[in-house]
Amino acid sequence: MAQKSGTNENGSPVASGIYLYRISIKSLEGNETFVKTAKLIMLK
């Protein structure tokens, strides 16, 4: 389980709820990119 501080990039608190996040990883050779979108449930 990952833990988050419950704040945004400005340090302000975020509300509980369902959030979508996207991760994008480029290969070391630079010719392939892995992209995944998923939901995150934030509970306080």
PDB file of N, CA and C in Angstrom:
ATOM      1  N   MET A   1       0.846  -1.174   0.000  1.00  0.00           N
ATOM      2  CA  MET A   1       0.000   0.000   0.000  1.00  0.00           C
ATOM      3  C   MET A   1       0.895   1.241   0.000  1.00  0.00           C
ATOM      4  N   ALA A   2       0.588   2.163  -0.857  1.00  0.00           N
ATOM      5  CA  ALA A   2       1.328   3.427  -0.903  1.00  0.00           C
ATOM      6  C   ALA A   2       0.650   4.428   0.013  1.00  0.00           C
ATOM      7  N   GLN A   3       1.440   5.320   0.562  1.00  0.00           N
ATOM      8  CA  GLN A   3       0.886   6.364   1.415  1.00  0.00           C
ATOM      9  C   GLN A   3       1.204   7.717   0.808  1.00  0.00           C
ATOM     10  N   LYS A   4       0.286   8.657   0.967  1.00  0.00           N
ATOM     11  CA  LYS A   4       0.455  10.013   0.469  1.00  0.00           C
ATOM     12  C   LYS A   4       0.172  10.967   1.607  1.00  0.00           C
ATOM     13  N   SER A   5       0.759  12.129   1.528  1.00  0.00           N
ATOM     14  CA  SER A   5       0.600  13.107   2.602  1.00  0.00           C
ATOM     15  C   SER A   5      -0.783  13.745   2.637  1.00  0.00           C
ATOM     16  N   GLY A   6      -1.582  13.600   1.571  1.00  0.00           N
ATOM     17  CA  GLY A   6      -2.907  14.213   1.540  1.00  0.00           C
ATOM     18  C   GLY A   6      -2.874  15.670   1.133  1.00  0.00           C
ATOM     19  N   THR A   7      -1.771  16.102   0.502  1.00  0.00           N
ATOM     20  CA  THR A   7      -1.652  17.482   0.037  1.00  0.00           C
ATOM     21  C   THR A   7      -1.330  17.497  -1.456  1.00  0.00           C
ATOM     22  N   ASN A   8      -1.616  18.626  -2.098  1.00  0.00           N
ATOM     23  CA  ASN A   8      -1.275  18.778  -3.506  1.00  0.00           C
ATOM     24  C   ASN A   8       0.132  19.361  -3.648  1.00  0.00           C
ATOM     25  N   GLU A   9       0.527  19.686  -4.886  1.00  0.00           N
ATOM     26  CA  GLU A   9       1.890  20.189  -5.121  1.00  0.00           C
ATOM     27  C   GLU A   9       2.163  21.527  -4.445  1.00  0.00           C
ATOM     28  N   ASN A  10       1.110  22.248  -4.032  1.00  0.00           N
ATOM     29  CA  ASN A  10       1.273  23.523  -3.331  1.00  0.00           C
ATOM     30  C   ASN A  10       1.245  23.379  -1.813  1.00  0.00           C
ATOM     31  N   GLY A  11       1.057  22.139  -1.341  1.00  0.00           N
ATOM     32  CA  GLY A  11       1.007  21.902   0.091  1.00  0.00           C
ATOM     33  C   GLY A  11      -0.378  22.056   0.695  1.00  0.00           C
ATOM     34  N   SER A  12      -1.388  22.348  -0.129  1.00  0.00           N
ATOM     35  CA  SER A  12      -2.759  22.487   0.359  1.00  0.00           C
ATOM     36  C   SER A  12      -3.400  21.110   0.494  1.00  0.00           C
ATOM     37  N   PRO A  13      -4.230  20.904   1.515  1.00  0.00           N
ATOM     38  CA  PRO A  13      -4.881  19.601   1.681  1.00  0.00           C
ATOM     39  C   PRO A  13      -5.857  19.313   0.541  1.00  0.00           C
ATOM     40  N   VAL A  14      -5.963  18.053   0.163  1.00  0.00           N
ATOM     41  CA  VAL A  14      -6.931  17.641  -0.853  1.00  0.00           C
ATOM     42  C   VAL A  14      -8.059  16.873  -0.182  1.00  0.00           C
ATOM     43  N   ALA A  15      -9.220  16.882  -0.807  1.00  0.00           N
ATOM     44  CA  ALA A  15     -10.403  16.232  -0.245  1.00  0.00           C
ATOM     45  C   ALA A  15     -10.355  14.729  -0.474  1.00  0.00           C
ATOM     46  N   SER A  16     -11.054  13.995   0.384  1.00  0.00           N
ATOM     47  CA  SER A  16     -11.252  12.571   0.150  1.00  0.00           C
ATOM     48  C   SER A  16     -12.071  12.409  -1.123  1.00  0.00           C
ATOM     49  N   GLY A  17     -11.827  11.330  -1.850  1.00  0.00           N
ATOM     50  CA  GLY A  17     -12.598  11.091  -3.064  1.00  0.00           C
ATOM     51  C   GLY A  17     -11.857  10.165  -4.006  1.00  0.00           C
ATOM     52  N   ILE A  18     -12.364  10.069  -5.218  1.00  0.00           N
ATOM     53  CA  ILE A  18     -11.755   9.231  -6.246  1.00  0.00           C
ATOM     54  C   ILE A  18     -11.033  10.146  -7.230  1.00  0.00           C
ATOM     55  N   TYR A  19      -9.772   9.864  -7.462  1.00  0.00           N
ATOM     56  CA  TYR A  19      -8.936  10.645  -8.363  1.00  0.00           C
ATOM     57  C   TYR A  19      -8.390   9.735  -9.449  1.00  0.00           C
ATOM     58  N   LEU A  20      -8.181  10.275 -10.635  1.00  0.00           N
ATOM     59  CA  LEU A  20      -7.513   9.558 -11.715  1.00  0.00           C
ATOM     60  C   LEU A  20      -6.073  10.035 -11.780  1.00  0.00           C
ATOM     61  N   TYR A  21      -5.157   9.105 -12.008  1.00  0.00           N
ATOM     62  CA  TYR A  21      -3.760   9.495 -12.195  1.00  0.00           C
ATOM     63  C   TYR A  21      -3.209   8.772 -13.402  1.00  0.00           C
ATOM     64  N   ARG A  22      -2.198   9.360 -14.011  1.00  0.00           N
ATOM     65  CA  ARG A  22      -1.561   8.776 -15.188  1.00  0.00           C
ATOM     66  C   ARG A  22      -0.056   8.727 -14.949  1.00  0.00           C
ATOM     67  N   ILE A  23       0.522   7.580 -15.262  1.00  0.00           N
ATOM     68  CA  ILE A  23       1.969   7.419 -15.163  1.00  0.00           C
ATOM     69  C   ILE A  23       2.485   7.128 -16.567  1.00  0.00           C
ATOM     70  N   SER A  24       3.577   7.771 -16.915  1.00  0.00           N
ATOM     71  CA  SER A  24       4.192   7.605 -18.229  1.00  0.00           C
ATOM     72  C   SER A  24       5.679   7.354 -18.023  1.00  0.00           C
ATOM     73  N   ILE A  25       6.165   6.229 -18.554  1.00  0.00           N
ATOM     74  CA  ILE A  25       7.568   5.844 -18.383  1.00  0.00           C
ATOM     75  C   ILE A  25       8.170   5.584 -19.754  1.00  0.00           C
ATOM     76  N   LYS A  26       9.266   6.273 -20.049  1.00  0.00           N
ATOM     77  CA  LYS A  26       9.954   6.083 -21.319  1.00  0.00           C
ATOM     78  C   LYS A  26      11.084   5.083 -21.128  1.00  0.00           C
ATOM     79  N   SER A  27      11.282   4.190 -22.122  1.00  0.00           N
ATOM     80  CA  SER A  27      12.356   3.201 -22.032  1.00  0.00           C
ATOM     81  C   SER A  27      13.717   3.886 -22.096  1.00  0.00           C
ATOM     82  N   LEU A  28      14.734   3.193 -21.622  1.00  0.00           N
ATOM     83  CA  LEU A  28      16.086   3.763 -21.638  1.00  0.00           C
ATOM     84  C   LEU A  28      16.556   4.066 -23.051  1.00  0.00           C
ATOM     85  N   GLU A  29      16.115   3.258 -24.014  1.00  0.00           N
ATOM     86  CA  GLU A  29      16.486   3.498 -25.409  1.00  0.00           C
ATOM     87  C   GLU A  29      15.696   4.665 -25.998  1.00  0.00           C
ATOM     88  N   GLY A  30      14.586   5.008 -25.363  1.00  0.00           N
ATOM     89  CA  GLY A  30      13.775   6.133 -25.813  1.00  0.00           C
ATOM     90  C   GLY A  30      12.827   5.805 -26.950  1.00  0.00           C
ATOM     91  N   ASN A  31      12.733   4.530 -27.335  1.00  0.00           N
ATOM     92  CA  ASN A  31      11.869   4.199 -28.470  1.00  0.00           C
ATOM     93  C   ASN A  31      10.511   3.650 -28.052  1.00  0.00           C
ATOM     94  N   GLU A  32      10.281   3.430 -26.779  1.00  0.00           N
ATOM     95  CA  GLU A  32       8.992   2.924 -26.286  1.00  0.00           C
ATOM     96  C   GLU A  32       8.564   3.721 -25.057  1.00  0.00           C
ATOM     97  N   THR A  33       7.268   3.922 -24.936  1.00  0.00           N
ATOM     98  CA  THR A  33       6.709   4.604 -23.771  1.00  0.00           C
ATOM     99  C   THR A  33       5.559   3.778 -23.215  1.00  0.00           C
ATOM    100  N   PHE A  34       5.602   3.533 -21.922  1.00  0.00           N
ATOM    101  CA  PHE A  34       4.533   2.840 -21.211  1.00  0.00           C
ATOM    102  C   PHE A  34       3.660   3.903 -20.555  1.00  0.00           C
ATOM    103  N   VAL A  35       2.359   3.859 -20.812  1.00  0.00           N
ATOM    104  CA  VAL A  35       1.429   4.812 -20.225  1.00  0.00           C
ATOM    105  C   VAL A  35       0.284   4.037 -19.586  1.00  0.00           C
ATOM    106  N   LYS A  36      -0.037   4.379 -18.352  1.00  0.00           N
ATOM    107  CA  LYS A  36      -1.145   3.730 -17.645  1.00  0.00           C
ATOM    108  C   LYS A  36      -1.931   4.783 -16.894  1.00  0.00           C
ATOM    109  N   THR A  37      -3.242   4.698 -17.003  1.00  0.00           N
ATOM    110  CA  THR A  37      -4.148   5.556 -16.241  1.00  0.00           C
ATOM    111  C   THR A  37      -4.928   4.657 -15.287  1.00  0.00           C
ATOM    112  N   ALA A  38      -5.065   5.091 -14.053  1.00  0.00           N
ATOM    113  CA  ALA A  38      -5.779   4.299 -13.045  1.00  0.00           C
ATOM    114  C   ALA A  38      -6.474   5.240 -12.068  1.00  0.00           C
ATOM    115  N   LYS A  39      -7.329   4.665 -11.232  1.00  0.00           N
ATOM    116  CA  LYS A  39      -7.999   5.491 -10.232  1.00  0.00           C
ATOM    117  C   LYS A  39      -7.369   5.258  -8.861  1.00  0.00           C
ATOM    118  N   LEU A  40      -7.443   6.287  -8.065  1.00  0.00           N
ATOM    119  CA  LEU A  40      -6.899   6.265  -6.712  1.00  0.00           C
ATOM    120  C   LEU A  40      -8.016   6.700  -5.788  1.00  0.00           C
ATOM    121  N   ILE A  41      -8.251   5.966  -4.723  1.00  0.00           N
ATOM    122  CA  ILE A  41      -9.255   6.332  -3.737  1.00  0.00           C
ATOM    123  C   ILE A  41      -8.542   6.946  -2.540  1.00  0.00           C
ATOM    124  N   MET A  42      -8.788   8.233  -2.302  1.00  0.00           N
ATOM    125  CA  MET A  42      -8.140   8.957  -1.202  1.00  0.00           C
ATOM    126  C   MET A  42      -9.087   8.974  -0.008  1.00  0.00           C
ATOM    127  N   LEU A  43      -8.657   8.319   1.078  1.00  0.00           N
ATOM    128  CA  LEU A  43      -9.425   8.313   2.314  1.00  0.00           C
ATOM    129  C   LEU A  43      -8.626   8.986   3.405  1.00  0.00           C
ATOM    130  N   LYS A  44      -9.285   9.786   4.191  1.00  0.00           N
ATOM    131  CA  LYS A  44      -8.612  10.456   5.306  1.00  0.00           C
ATOM    132  C   LYS A  44      -9.149   9.928   6.603  1.00  0.00           C
TER     133      LYS A  44
END
